[in-house]
Amino acid sequence: MQFYVLRCFDDPNVVHVDGSVNPVRDKETIDFELQLKDLETIEKECNVSKKLLRLESIKTRKNF
């Protein structure tokens, strides 16, 4: 479950990274960043799986 907290008000004392308040754009940015992080996690898991498969293959060859 995910919850979003987005600022929907202007406050000259609070700086916004994009220079202006736009909740729709901010949510899209957050969604995109989360997707990138998910992809990074999947790629890491794939690399670990590939290494394990290689090691298992080497181990199997040694037993023959």
Protein backbone atom coordinates (compact mmCIF):
# COMPACT_ATOMS: atom_id res chain seq x y z
CA MET A 1 0.00 0.00 0.00
CA GLN A 2 1.30 3.43 -0.88
CA PHE A 3 0.31 6.83 0.37
CA TYR A 4 1.20 10.09 -1.31
CA VAL A 5 1.58 13.38 0.48
CA LEU A 6 1.66 16.17 -2.07
CA ARG A 7 1.82 19.86 -1.39
CA CYS A 8 -1.09 21.74 -2.96
CA PHE A 9 -0.43 25.23 -1.64
CA ASP A 10 2.04 28.02 -2.30
CA ASP A 11 4.25 29.16 0.55
CA PRO A 12 7.08 31.58 -0.23
CA ASN A 13 8.94 30.24 2.83
CA VAL A 14 9.04 26.69 1.45
CA VAL A 15 11.13 26.13 -1.67
CA HIS A 16 9.86 23.64 -4.24
CA VAL A 17 12.44 21.66 -6.21
CA ASP A 18 10.71 22.42 -9.53
CA GLY A 19 10.13 26.06 -8.70
CA SER A 20 6.34 25.86 -8.57
CA VAL A 21 3.64 23.81 -6.93
CA ASN A 22 1.92 21.33 -9.24
CA PRO A 23 0.54 18.24 -7.46
CA VAL A 24 -0.21 16.34 -10.69
CA ARG A 25 3.34 16.82 -11.99
CA ASP A 26 4.76 15.96 -8.56
CA LYS A 27 2.80 12.69 -8.43
CA GLU A 28 3.99 11.79 -11.93
CA THR A 29 7.58 12.48 -10.84
CA ILE A 30 7.17 10.29 -7.76
CA ASP A 31 5.59 7.49 -9.82
CA PHE A 32 8.44 7.63 -12.34
CA GLU A 33 11.09 7.55 -9.59
CA LEU A 34 9.38 4.56 -7.96
CA GLN A 35 9.28 2.75 -11.31
CA LEU A 36 13.01 3.38 -11.80
CA LYS A 37 13.72 2.01 -8.33
CA ASP A 38 11.59 -1.09 -9.04
CA LEU A 39 13.53 -1.65 -12.27
CA GLU A 40 16.82 -1.29 -10.41
CA THR A 41 15.68 -3.87 -7.84
CA ILE A 42 14.61 -6.32 -10.54
CA GLU A 43 17.92 -5.91 -12.39
CA LYS A 44 19.86 -6.62 -9.18
CA GLU A 45 17.80 -9.75 -8.53
CA CYS A 46 18.36 -10.92 -12.12
CA ASN A 47 22.10 -10.48 -11.73
CA VAL A 48 22.09 -12.49 -8.51
CA SER A 49 20.05 -15.23 -10.18
CA LYS A 50 22.44 -15.34 -13.14
CA LYS A 51 25.41 -15.71 -10.81
CA LEU A 52 23.70 -18.50 -8.89
CA LEU A 53 22.84 -20.31 -12.13
CA ARG A 54 26.44 -20.01 -13.31
CA LEU A 55 27.73 -21.38 -10.03
CA GLU A 56 25.24 -24.25 -10.11
CA SER A 57 26.25 -25.04 -13.68
CA ILE A 58 29.92 -25.15 -12.72
CA LYS A 59 29.12 -27.33 -9.72
CA THR A 60 27.10 -29.72 -11.88
CA ARG A 61 29.90 -30.03 -14.45
CA LYS A 62 32.42 -30.86 -11.74
CA ASN A 63 30.24 -33.75 -10.55
CA PHE A 64 30.31 -35.41 -13.98
